[in-house]
């Protein structure tokens, strides 16, 4: 695992990419209802804030291996959360085409 600063930058980069994709979709499809897209954006922001909060507040009583496992769990949660948000945007895109 890299530094905490790199992990925070990675979180920002991935989440902002999803938000950008949501805005692009909403701009290209203005005739469709955008409540679903707005919900994805809101969830993405909340997801990012939760991950940053978890990074900034590790368990102070944990040993070094426990702290390392804490950050590895955050990294895994980032990947899983980003995949879920992408799947939601894809499902909105497919649903609107019908």
PDB file of N, CA and C in Angstrom:
ATOM      1  N   UNK A   1       0.843  -1.172   0.000  1.00  0.00           N
ATOM      2  CA  UNK A   1       0.000   0.000   0.000  1.00  0.00           C
ATOM      3  C   UNK A   1       0.885   1.231   0.000  1.00  0.00           C
ATOM      4  N   UNK A   2       0.456   2.245  -0.682  1.00  0.00           N
ATOM      5  CA  UNK A   2       1.191   3.502  -0.745  1.00  0.00           C
ATOM      6  C   UNK A   2       0.876   4.368   0.458  1.00  0.00           C
ATOM      7  N   UNK A   3       1.068   5.623   0.293  1.00  0.00           N
ATOM      8  CA  UNK A   3       0.830   6.555   1.392  1.00  0.00           C
ATOM      9  C   UNK A   3      -0.657   6.884   1.522  1.00  0.00           C
ATOM     10  N   UNK A   4      -0.995   7.469   2.650  1.00  0.00           N
ATOM     11  CA  UNK A   4      -2.376   7.878   2.899  1.00  0.00           C
ATOM     12  C   UNK A   4      -2.773   8.966   1.909  1.00  0.00           C
ATOM     13  N   UNK A   5      -1.847   9.843   1.607  1.00  0.00           N
ATOM     14  CA  UNK A   5      -2.139  10.928   0.666  1.00  0.00           C
ATOM     15  C   UNK A   5      -2.482  10.375  -0.720  1.00  0.00           C
ATOM     16  N   UNK A   6      -1.748   9.353  -1.149  1.00  0.00           N
ATOM     17  CA  UNK A   6      -2.046   8.750  -2.453  1.00  0.00           C
ATOM     18  C   UNK A   6      -3.402   8.055  -2.442  1.00  0.00           C
ATOM     19  N   UNK A   7      -3.738   7.426  -1.314  1.00  0.00           N
ATOM     20  CA  UNK A   7      -5.040   6.772  -1.202  1.00  0.00           C
ATOM     21  C   UNK A   7      -6.163   7.801  -1.290  1.00  0.00           C
ATOM     22  N   UNK A   8      -5.994   8.937  -0.632  1.00  0.00           N
ATOM     23  CA  UNK A   8      -7.004  10.004  -0.710  1.00  0.00           C
ATOM     24  C   UNK A   8      -7.137  10.533  -2.131  1.00  0.00           C
ATOM     25  N   UNK A   9      -6.018  10.694  -2.817  1.00  0.00           N
ATOM     26  CA  UNK A   9      -6.070  11.161  -4.207  1.00  0.00           C
ATOM     27  C   UNK A   9      -6.754  10.133  -5.098  1.00  0.00           C
ATOM     28  N   UNK A  10      -6.511   8.868  -4.822  1.00  0.00           N
ATOM     29  CA  UNK A  10      -7.141   7.802  -5.602  1.00  0.00           C
ATOM     30  C   UNK A  10      -8.660   7.818  -5.381  1.00  0.00           C
ATOM     31  N   UNK A  11      -9.078   8.018  -4.152  1.00  0.00           N
ATOM     32  CA  UNK A  11     -10.509   8.099  -3.850  1.00  0.00           C
ATOM     33  C   UNK A  11     -11.132   9.268  -4.605  1.00  0.00           C
ATOM     34  N   UNK A  12     -10.514  10.435  -4.492  1.00  0.00           N
ATOM     35  CA  UNK A  12     -11.047  11.611  -5.180  1.00  0.00           C
ATOM     36  C   UNK A  12     -11.110  11.389  -6.683  1.00  0.00           C
ATOM     37  N   UNK A  13     -10.075  10.834  -7.240  1.00  0.00           N
ATOM     38  CA  UNK A  13     -10.015  10.629  -8.686  1.00  0.00           C
ATOM     39  C   UNK A  13     -11.134   9.707  -9.160  1.00  0.00           C
ATOM     40  N   UNK A  14     -11.290   8.570  -8.505  1.00  0.00           N
ATOM     41  CA  UNK A  14     -12.296   7.601  -8.945  1.00  0.00           C
ATOM     42  C   UNK A  14     -13.718   8.115  -8.741  1.00  0.00           C
ATOM     43  N   UNK A  15     -13.965   8.738  -7.604  1.00  0.00           N
ATOM     44  CA  UNK A  15     -15.321   9.222  -7.331  1.00  0.00           C
ATOM     45  C   UNK A  15     -15.663  10.400  -8.244  1.00  0.00           C
ATOM     46  N   UNK A  16     -14.729  11.300  -8.449  1.00  0.00           N
ATOM     47  CA  UNK A  16     -14.996  12.435  -9.325  1.00  0.00           C
ATOM     48  C   UNK A  16     -15.188  11.985 -10.781  1.00  0.00           C
ATOM     49  N   UNK A  17     -14.559  10.906 -11.165  1.00  0.00           N
ATOM     50  CA  UNK A  17     -14.765  10.368 -12.513  1.00  0.00           C
ATOM     51  C   UNK A  17     -16.206   9.882 -12.672  1.00  0.00           C
ATOM     52  N   UNK A  18     -16.720   9.223 -11.658  1.00  0.00           N
ATOM     53  CA  UNK A  18     -18.111   8.763 -11.707  1.00  0.00           C
ATOM     54  C   UNK A  18     -19.068   9.957 -11.743  1.00  0.00           C
ATOM     55  N   UNK A  19     -18.789  10.955 -10.920  1.00  0.00           N
ATOM     56  CA  UNK A  19     -19.634  12.149 -10.908  1.00  0.00           C
ATOM     57  C   UNK A  19     -19.599  12.834 -12.275  1.00  0.00           C
ATOM     58  N   UNK A  20     -18.437  12.889 -12.871  1.00  0.00           N
ATOM     59  CA  UNK A  20     -18.306  13.476 -14.200  1.00  0.00           C
ATOM     60  C   UNK A  20     -19.119  12.684 -15.230  1.00  0.00           C
ATOM     61  N   UNK A  21     -19.068  11.368 -15.133  1.00  0.00           N
ATOM     62  CA  UNK A  21     -19.857  10.531 -16.041  1.00  0.00           C
ATOM     63  C   UNK A  21     -21.357  10.778 -15.853  1.00  0.00           C
ATOM     64  N   UNK A  22     -21.772  10.976 -14.616  1.00  0.00           N
ATOM     65  CA  UNK A  22     -23.187  11.259 -14.342  1.00  0.00           C
ATOM     66  C   UNK A  22     -23.607  12.584 -14.965  1.00  0.00           C
ATOM     67  N   UNK A  23     -22.778  13.612 -14.798  1.00  0.00           N
ATOM     68  CA  UNK A  23     -23.104  14.909 -15.398  1.00  0.00           C
ATOM     69  C   UNK A  23     -23.111  14.820 -16.925  1.00  0.00           C
ATOM     70  N   UNK A  24     -22.196  14.057 -17.488  1.00  0.00           N
ATOM     71  CA  UNK A  24     -22.161  13.883 -18.938  1.00  0.00           C
ATOM     72  C   UNK A  24     -23.433  13.193 -19.423  1.00  0.00           C
ATOM     73  N   UNK A  25     -23.843  12.140 -18.712  1.00  0.00           N
ATOM     74  CA  UNK A  25     -25.066  11.436 -19.085  1.00  0.00           C
ATOM     75  C   UNK A  25     -26.273  12.374 -18.998  1.00  0.00           C
ATOM     76  N   UNK A  26     -26.353  13.138 -17.917  1.00  0.00           N
ATOM     77  CA  UNK A  26     -27.486  14.046 -17.744  1.00  0.00           C
ATOM     78  C   UNK A  26     -27.494  15.121 -18.824  1.00  0.00           C
ATOM     79  N   UNK A  27     -26.324  15.563 -19.241  1.00  0.00           N
ATOM     80  CA  UNK A  27     -26.234  16.593 -20.291  1.00  0.00           C
ATOM     81  C   UNK A  27     -26.626  16.029 -21.660  1.00  0.00           C
ATOM     82  N   UNK A  28     -26.247  14.795 -21.927  1.00  0.00           N
ATOM     83  CA  UNK A  28     -26.548  14.182 -23.220  1.00  0.00           C
ATOM     84  C   UNK A  28     -27.983  13.691 -23.321  1.00  0.00           C
ATOM     85  N   UNK A  29     -28.627  13.460 -22.195  1.00  0.00           N
ATOM     86  CA  UNK A  29     -30.001  12.964 -22.186  1.00  0.00           C
ATOM     87  C   UNK A  29     -30.879  13.873 -21.323  1.00  0.00           C
ATOM     88  N   UNK A  30     -31.081  15.114 -21.743  1.00  0.00           N
ATOM     89  CA  UNK A  30     -31.856  16.045 -20.906  1.00  0.00           C
ATOM     90  C   UNK A  30     -33.339  15.710 -20.852  1.00  0.00           C
ATOM     91  N   UNK A  31     -33.830  14.965 -21.832  1.00  0.00           N
ATOM     92  CA  UNK A  31     -35.254  14.654 -21.871  1.00  0.00           C
ATOM     93  C   UNK A  31     -35.637  13.574 -20.868  1.00  0.00           C
ATOM     94  N   UNK A  32     -34.681  12.783 -20.433  1.00  0.00           N
ATOM     95  CA  UNK A  32     -34.960  11.727 -19.456  1.00  0.00           C
ATOM     96  C   UNK A  32     -35.001  12.299 -18.049  1.00  0.00           C
ATOM     97  N   UNK A  33     -35.703  11.616 -17.177  1.00  0.00           N
ATOM     98  CA  UNK A  33     -35.730  12.038 -15.776  1.00  0.00           C
ATOM     99  C   UNK A  33     -34.342  11.854 -15.177  1.00  0.00           C
ATOM    100  N   UNK A  34     -33.891  12.845 -14.450  1.00  0.00           N
ATOM    101  CA  UNK A  34     -32.531  12.798 -13.914  1.00  0.00           C
ATOM    102  C   UNK A  34     -32.498  12.549 -12.410  1.00  0.00           C
ATOM    103  N   UNK A  35     -33.624  12.131 -11.826  1.00  0.00           N
ATOM    104  CA  UNK A  35     -33.624  11.855 -10.395  1.00  0.00           C
ATOM    105  C   UNK A  35     -32.677  10.713 -10.052  1.00  0.00           C
ATOM    106  N   UNK A  36     -32.644   9.694 -10.911  1.00  0.00           N
ATOM    107  CA  UNK A  36     -31.753   8.560 -10.670  1.00  0.00           C
ATOM    108  C   UNK A  36     -30.295   8.998 -10.720  1.00  0.00           C
ATOM    109  N   UNK A  37     -29.959   9.831 -11.686  1.00  0.00           N
ATOM    110  CA  UNK A  37     -28.585  10.309 -11.825  1.00  0.00           C
ATOM    111  C   UNK A  37     -28.214  11.195 -10.640  1.00  0.00           C
ATOM    112  N   UNK A  38     -29.138  12.030 -10.214  1.00  0.00           N
ATOM    113  CA  UNK A  38     -28.882  12.879  -9.046  1.00  0.00           C
ATOM    114  C   UNK A  38     -28.666  12.034  -7.797  1.00  0.00           C
ATOM    115  N   UNK A  39     -29.393  10.937  -7.675  1.00  0.00           N
ATOM    116  CA  UNK A  39     -29.213  10.024  -6.555  1.00  0.00           C
ATOM    117  C   UNK A  39     -27.849   9.371  -6.566  1.00  0.00           C
ATOM    118  N   UNK A  40     -27.376   9.017  -7.757  1.00  0.00           N
ATOM    119  CA  UNK A  40     -26.044   8.410  -7.874  1.00  0.00           C
ATOM    120  C   UNK A  40     -24.977   9.416  -7.477  1.00  0.00           C
ATOM    121  N   UNK A  41     -25.135  10.664  -7.915  1.00  0.00           N
ATOM    122  CA  UNK A  41     -24.166  11.708  -7.557  1.00  0.00           C
ATOM    123  C   UNK A  41     -24.149  11.914  -6.049  1.00  0.00           C
ATOM    124  N   UNK A  42     -25.317  11.986  -5.456  1.00  0.00           N
ATOM    125  CA  UNK A  42     -25.406  12.172  -4.006  1.00  0.00           C
ATOM    126  C   UNK A  42     -24.756  11.004  -3.262  1.00  0.00           C
ATOM    127  N   UNK A  43     -25.035   9.796  -3.710  1.00  0.00           N
ATOM    128  CA  UNK A  43     -24.440   8.620  -3.073  1.00  0.00           C
ATOM    129  C   UNK A  43     -22.925   8.593  -3.249  1.00  0.00           C
ATOM    130  N   UNK A  44     -22.447   9.029  -4.410  1.00  0.00           N
ATOM    131  CA  UNK A  44     -21.008   9.062  -4.656  1.00  0.00           C
ATOM    132  C   UNK A  44     -20.315  10.048  -3.720  1.00  0.00           C
ATOM    133  N   UNK A  45     -20.920  11.201  -3.523  1.00  0.00           N
ATOM    134  CA  UNK A  45     -20.340  12.197  -2.612  1.00  0.00           C
ATOM    135  C   UNK A  45     -20.335  11.672  -1.181  1.00  0.00           C
ATOM    136  N   UNK A  46     -21.429  11.061  -0.758  1.00  0.00           N
ATOM    137  CA  UNK A  46     -21.489  10.483   0.584  1.00  0.00           C
ATOM    138  C   UNK A  46     -20.487   9.351   0.756  1.00  0.00           C
ATOM    139  N   UNK A  47     -20.323   8.542  -0.277  1.00  0.00           N
ATOM    140  CA  UNK A  47     -19.356   7.443  -0.263  1.00  0.00           C
ATOM    141  C   UNK A  47     -17.941   7.986  -0.106  1.00  0.00           C
ATOM    142  N   UNK A  48     -17.612   9.024  -0.863  1.00  0.00           N
ATOM    143  CA  UNK A  48     -16.289   9.639  -0.783  1.00  0.00           C
ATOM    144  C   UNK A  48     -16.043  10.206   0.607  1.00  0.00           C
ATOM    145  N   UNK A  49     -17.025  10.926   1.133  1.00  0.00           N
ATOM    146  CA  UNK A  49     -16.868  11.519   2.456  1.00  0.00           C
ATOM    147  C   UNK A  49     -16.693  10.454   3.536  1.00  0.00           C
ATOM    148  N   UNK A  50     -17.416   9.338   3.409  1.00  0.00           N
ATOM    149  CA  UNK A  50     -17.280   8.252   4.370  1.00  0.00           C
ATOM    150  C   UNK A  50     -15.877   7.646   4.325  1.00  0.00           C
ATOM    151  N   UNK A  51     -15.359   7.417   3.121  1.00  0.00           N
ATOM    152  CA  UNK A  51     -14.013   6.844   2.998  1.00  0.00           C
ATOM    153  C   UNK A  51     -12.955   7.788   3.564  1.00  0.00           C
ATOM    154  N   UNK A  52     -13.068   9.069   3.269  1.00  0.00           N
ATOM    155  CA  UNK A  52     -12.099  10.039   3.793  1.00  0.00           C
ATOM    156  C   UNK A  52     -12.181  10.094   5.316  1.00  0.00           C
ATOM    157  N   UNK A  53     -13.385  10.033   5.860  1.00  0.00           N
ATOM    158  CA  UNK A  53     -13.546  10.026   7.311  1.00  0.00           C
ATOM    159  C   UNK A  53     -12.876   8.792   7.923  1.00  0.00           C
ATOM    160  N   UNK A  54     -13.051   7.646   7.284  1.00  0.00           N
ATOM    161  CA  UNK A  54     -12.426   6.422   7.782  1.00  0.00           C
ATOM    162  C   UNK A  54     -10.906   6.493   7.709  1.00  0.00           C
ATOM    163  N   UNK A  55     -10.383   7.146   6.682  1.00  0.00           N
ATOM    164  CA  UNK A  55      -8.925   7.297   6.577  1.00  0.00           C
ATOM    165  C   UNK A  55      -8.409   8.198   7.688  1.00  0.00           C
ATOM    166  N   UNK A  56      -9.105   9.278   7.940  1.00  0.00           N
ATOM    167  CA  UNK A  56      -8.643  10.255   8.928  1.00  0.00           C
ATOM    168  C   UNK A  56      -8.822   9.794  10.368  1.00  0.00           C
ATOM    169  N   UNK A  57      -9.612   8.752  10.585  1.00  0.00           N
ATOM    170  CA  UNK A  57      -9.905   8.308  11.948  1.00  0.00           C
ATOM    171  C   UNK A  57      -9.673   6.809  12.129  1.00  0.00           C
ATOM    172  N   UNK A  58      -8.435   6.338  11.984  1.00  0.00           N
ATOM    173  CA  UNK A  58      -8.180   4.915  12.237  1.00  0.00           C
ATOM    174  C   UNK A  58      -8.267   4.632  13.742  1.00  0.00           C
ATOM    175  N   UNK A  59      -8.385   3.370  14.083  1.00  0.00           N
ATOM    176  CA  UNK A  59      -8.461   2.973  15.488  1.00  0.00           C
ATOM    177  C   UNK A  59      -7.108   3.236  16.161  1.00  0.00           C
ATOM    178  N   UNK A  60      -7.069   4.143  17.135  1.00  0.00           N
ATOM    179  CA  UNK A  60      -5.781   4.490  17.749  1.00  0.00           C
ATOM    180  C   UNK A  60      -5.182   3.362  18.584  1.00  0.00           C
ATOM    181  N   UNK A  61      -5.996   2.409  19.020  1.00  0.00           N
ATOM    182  CA  UNK A  61      -5.480   1.327  19.841  1.00  0.00           C
ATOM    183  C   UNK A  61      -4.987   0.144  19.018  1.00  0.00           C
ATOM    184  N   UNK A  62      -5.128   0.210  17.694  1.00  0.00           N
ATOM    185  CA  UNK A  62      -4.731  -0.906  16.837  1.00  0.00           C
ATOM    186  C   UNK A  62      -3.209  -0.967  16.687  1.00  0.00           C
ATOM    187  N   UNK A  63      -2.722  -2.175  16.539  1.00  0.00           N
ATOM    188  CA  UNK A  63      -1.294  -2.356  16.292  1.00  0.00           C
ATOM    189  C   UNK A  63      -0.993  -2.001  14.837  1.00  0.00           C
ATOM    190  N   UNK A  64       0.283  -1.910  14.463  1.00  0.00           N
ATOM    191  CA  UNK A  64       0.612  -1.523  13.074  1.00  0.00           C
ATOM    192  C   UNK A  64      -0.006  -2.435  12.014  1.00  0.00           C
ATOM    193  N   UNK A  65      -0.098  -3.722  12.283  1.00  0.00           N
ATOM    194  CA  UNK A  65      -0.725  -4.633  11.320  1.00  0.00           C
ATOM    195  C   UNK A  65      -2.218  -4.354  11.217  1.00  0.00           C
ATOM    196  N   UNK A  66      -2.836  -3.997  12.327  1.00  0.00           N
ATOM    197  CA  UNK A  66      -4.257  -3.663  12.306  1.00  0.00           C
ATOM    198  C   UNK A  66      -4.531  -2.393  11.530  1.00  0.00           C
ATOM    199  N   UNK A  67      -3.636  -1.420  11.653  1.00  0.00           N
ATOM    200  CA  UNK A  67      -3.786  -0.170  10.904  1.00  0.00           C
ATOM    201  C   UNK A  67      -3.623  -0.435   9.411  1.00  0.00           C
ATOM    202  N   UNK A  68      -2.648  -1.274   9.082  1.00  0.00           N
ATOM    203  CA  UNK A  68      -2.429  -1.612   7.667  1.00  0.00           C
ATOM    204  C   UNK A  68      -3.658  -2.330   7.103  1.00  0.00           C
ATOM    205  N   UNK A  69      -4.220  -3.244   7.874  1.00  0.00           N
ATOM    206  CA  UNK A  69      -5.426  -3.955   7.433  1.00  0.00           C
ATOM    207  C   UNK A  69      -6.596  -2.980   7.282  1.00  0.00           C
ATOM    208  N   UNK A  70      -6.652  -1.973   8.142  1.00  0.00           N
ATOM    209  CA  UNK A  70      -7.701  -0.945   8.066  1.00  0.00           C
ATOM    210  C   UNK A  70      -7.637  -0.215   6.719  1.00  0.00           C
ATOM    211  N   UNK A  71      -6.452   0.178   6.318  1.00  0.00           N
ATOM    212  CA  UNK A  71      -6.307   0.898   5.055  1.00  0.00           C
ATOM    213  C   UNK A  71      -6.512  -0.024   3.853  1.00  0.00           C
ATOM    214  N   UNK A  72      -6.142  -1.276   3.974  1.00  0.00           N
ATOM    215  CA  UNK A  72      -6.401  -2.222   2.888  1.00  0.00           C
ATOM    216  C   UNK A  72      -7.904  -2.446   2.708  1.00  0.00           C
ATOM    217  N   UNK A  73      -8.622  -2.468   3.826  1.00  0.00           N
ATOM    218  CA  UNK A  73     -10.075  -2.607   3.757  1.00  0.00           C
ATOM    219  C   UNK A  73     -10.702  -1.391   3.083  1.00  0.00           C
ATOM    220  N   UNK A  74     -10.199  -0.216   3.380  1.00  0.00           N
ATOM    221  CA  UNK A  74     -10.704   1.005   2.736  1.00  0.00           C
ATOM    222  C   UNK A  74     -10.455   0.934   1.236  1.00  0.00           C
ATOM    223  N   UNK A  75      -9.282   0.472   0.840  1.00  0.00           N
ATOM    224  CA  UNK A  75      -8.945   0.355  -0.586  1.00  0.00           C
ATOM    225  C   UNK A  75      -9.886  -0.634  -1.279  1.00  0.00           C
ATOM    226  N   UNK A  76     -10.168  -1.755  -0.624  1.00  0.00           N
ATOM    227  CA  UNK A  76     -11.093  -2.735  -1.189  1.00  0.00           C
ATOM    228  C   UNK A  76     -12.506  -2.161  -1.286  1.00  0.00           C
ATOM    229  N   UNK A  77     -12.932  -1.465  -0.234  1.00  0.00           N
ATOM    230  CA  UNK A  77     -14.260  -0.842  -0.244  1.00  0.00           C
ATOM    231  C   UNK A  77     -14.377   0.204  -1.352  1.00  0.00           C
ATOM    232  N   UNK A  78     -13.284   0.907  -1.613  1.00  0.00           N
ATOM    233  CA  UNK A  78     -13.273   1.884  -2.704  1.00  0.00           C
ATOM    234  C   UNK A  78     -13.553   1.198  -4.031  1.00  0.00           C
ATOM    235  N   UNK A  79     -12.849   0.126  -4.304  1.00  0.00           N
ATOM    236  CA  UNK A  79     -13.038  -0.581  -5.574  1.00  0.00           C
ATOM    237  C   UNK A  79     -14.454  -1.137  -5.703  1.00  0.00           C
ATOM    238  N   UNK A  80     -14.955  -1.739  -4.631  1.00  0.00           N
ATOM    239  CA  UNK A  80     -16.301  -2.307  -4.677  1.00  0.00           C
ATOM    240  C   UNK A  80     -17.363  -1.218  -4.813  1.00  0.00           C
ATOM    241  N   UNK A  81     -17.195  -0.124  -4.091  1.00  0.00           N
ATOM    242  CA  UNK A  81     -18.154   0.966  -4.156  1.00  0.00           C
ATOM    243  C   UNK A  81     -18.201   1.632  -5.516  1.00  0.00           C
ATOM    244  N   UNK A  82     -17.029   1.818  -6.119  1.00  0.00           N
ATOM    245  CA  UNK A  82     -16.963   2.419  -7.451  1.00  0.00           C
ATOM    246  C   UNK A  82     -17.637   1.497  -8.469  1.00  0.00           C
ATOM    247  N   UNK A  83     -17.414   0.195  -8.343  1.00  0.00           N
ATOM    248  CA  UNK A  83     -18.067  -0.743  -9.249  1.00  0.00           C
ATOM    249  C   UNK A  83     -19.587  -0.677  -9.117  1.00  0.00           C
ATOM    250  N   UNK A  84     -20.082  -0.589  -7.893  1.00  0.00           N
ATOM    251  CA  UNK A  84     -21.529  -0.512  -7.679  1.00  0.00           C
ATOM    252  C   UNK A  84     -22.114   0.774  -8.262  1.00  0.00           C
ATOM    253  N   UNK A  85     -21.397   1.888  -8.079  1.00  0.00           N
ATOM    254  CA  UNK A  85     -21.885   3.156  -8.629  1.00  0.00           C
ATOM    255  C   UNK A  85     -21.893   3.117 -10.159  1.00  0.00           C
ATOM    256  N   UNK A  86     -20.873   2.515 -10.746  1.00  0.00           N
ATOM    257  CA  UNK A  86     -20.836   2.379 -12.217  1.00  0.00           C
ATOM    258  C   UNK A  86     -21.968   1.498 -12.720  1.00  0.00           C
ATOM    259  N   UNK A  87     -22.238   0.422 -11.997  1.00  0.00           N
ATOM    260  CA  UNK A  87     -23.334  -0.460 -12.384  1.00  0.00           C
ATOM    261  C   UNK A  87     -24.675   0.272 -12.307  1.00  0.00           C
ATOM    262  N   UNK A  88     -24.842   1.109 -11.288  1.00  0.00           N
ATOM    263  CA  UNK A  88     -26.080   1.877 -11.173  1.00  0.00           C
ATOM    264  C   UNK A  88     -26.246   2.834 -12.338  1.00  0.00           C
ATOM    265  N   UNK A  89     -25.168   3.508 -12.723  1.00  0.00           N
ATOM    266  CA  UNK A  89     -25.251   4.428 -13.857  1.00  0.00           C
ATOM    267  C   UNK A  89     -25.533   3.659 -15.140  1.00  0.00           C
ATOM    268  N   UNK A  90     -24.936   2.507 -15.298  1.00  0.00           N
ATOM    269  CA  UNK A  90     -25.192   1.686 -16.479  1.00  0.00           C
ATOM    270  C   UNK A  90     -26.648   1.228 -16.524  1.00  0.00           C
ATOM    271  N   UNK A  91     -27.186   0.861 -15.375  1.00  0.00           N
ATOM    272  CA  UNK A  91     -28.580   0.410 -15.352  1.00  0.00           C
ATOM    273  C   UNK A  91     -29.541   1.565 -15.665  1.00  0.00           C
ATOM    274  N   UNK A  92     -29.206   2.773 -15.233  1.00  0.00           N
ATOM    275  CA  UNK A  92     -30.026   3.945 -15.577  1.00  0.00           C
ATOM    276  C   UNK A  92     -29.968   4.170 -17.079  1.00  0.00           C
ATOM    277  N   UNK A  93     -28.803   4.021 -17.645  1.00  0.00           N
ATOM    278  CA  UNK A  93     -28.629   4.212 -19.082  1.00  0.00           C
ATOM    279  C   UNK A  93     -29.422   3.183 -19.860  1.00  0.00           C
ATOM    280  N   UNK A  94     -29.388   1.936 -19.444  1.00  0.00           N
ATOM    281  CA  UNK A  94     -30.123   0.880 -20.134  1.00  0.00           C
ATOM    282  C   UNK A  94     -31.628   1.056 -19.960  1.00  0.00           C
ATOM    283  N   UNK A  95     -32.040   1.456 -18.760  1.00  0.00           N
ATOM    284  CA  UNK A  95     -33.457   1.619 -18.470  1.00  0.00           C
ATOM    285  C   UNK A  95     -34.054   2.748 -19.299  1.00  0.00           C
ATOM    286  N   UNK A  96     -33.305   3.806 -19.514  1.00  0.00           N
ATOM    287  CA  UNK A  96     -33.823   4.972 -20.239  1.00  0.00           C
ATOM    288  C   UNK A  96     -33.919   4.708 -21.744  1.00  0.00           C
ATOM    289  N   UNK A  97     -33.143   3.755 -22.247  1.00  0.00           N
ATOM    290  CA  UNK A  97     -33.172   3.465 -23.687  1.00  0.00           C
ATOM    291  C   UNK A  97     -34.449   2.774 -24.096  1.00  0.00           C
ATOM    292  N   UNK A  98     -35.076   2.055 -23.197  1.00  0.00           N
ATOM    293  CA  UNK A  98     -36.268   1.265 -23.538  1.00  0.00           C
ATOM    294  C   UNK A  98     -37.471   2.137 -23.731  1.00  0.00           C
TER     295      UNK A  98
END
